[in-house]
Amino acid sequence: MCGIAGLYCFNNHPDREKGVLQKALQELHARGPDHCGFVLTNNTCLGHTRLAIIDTSASANQPFRDATGRFTLVFNGELYNFRELREVLKRKDYTFHTESDTEVLLHWLMEFGMDRLNDLQGFFAFAFLALNFSLITLSILSVVWFTGGELSSVGWAAVGMSFLETILLLLLVYRDWE
């Protein structure tokens, strides 16, 4: 499995906090030894450690961005029906440059947003960033939140936790923010 991590910076300076994200990605290296990458965008950093399985080419490395740079995705897991979803998107004139389920998910989210997540079959966690929409969507089954500095940023990394542990952790983080 891959590893995903992210950081939202309240001070609009993600470059100052990227060391925190890089440390999280180092911790996730065992989950994705084939490639490690991150992107800084406005006040958000998204990172990914890759275990290449479906499309092992470098063109499928993550974070994955569309051609305009407005949409960014980090994804962990597998979409079992990505070939069928790909055909739906091709009929809507999307073109593909990889054979990865990640590219399919990126285009799916660009086209349908959160409205058609029920069409996805598989097991996965992802973070989807849409610039100019002020949208950061996290679909993460298990997370660890960490803060950098004096709550100048908040981040997360996918790890093995139960759903109940995740909900309790999110409630604790929310309480600490207030």
Foldseek 3Di string as FASTA:
>chain_A
DKKKKKKFFQVQCVVVVVVVVVVLNVVRCVVAVLDKDWDDDRRMIMIMRHDDDFWSDPQPDDQDADPVRQKTKDKDWDFPCLVVLVVVVVVVVDDDDTRDSNVSVRSVCVVQNPNVPVVTDTDMWMWMGGPPVPDIDTRAQAWDWDADDPNSMIMIMHDDDHNVVRVVRVVVVVVVVD
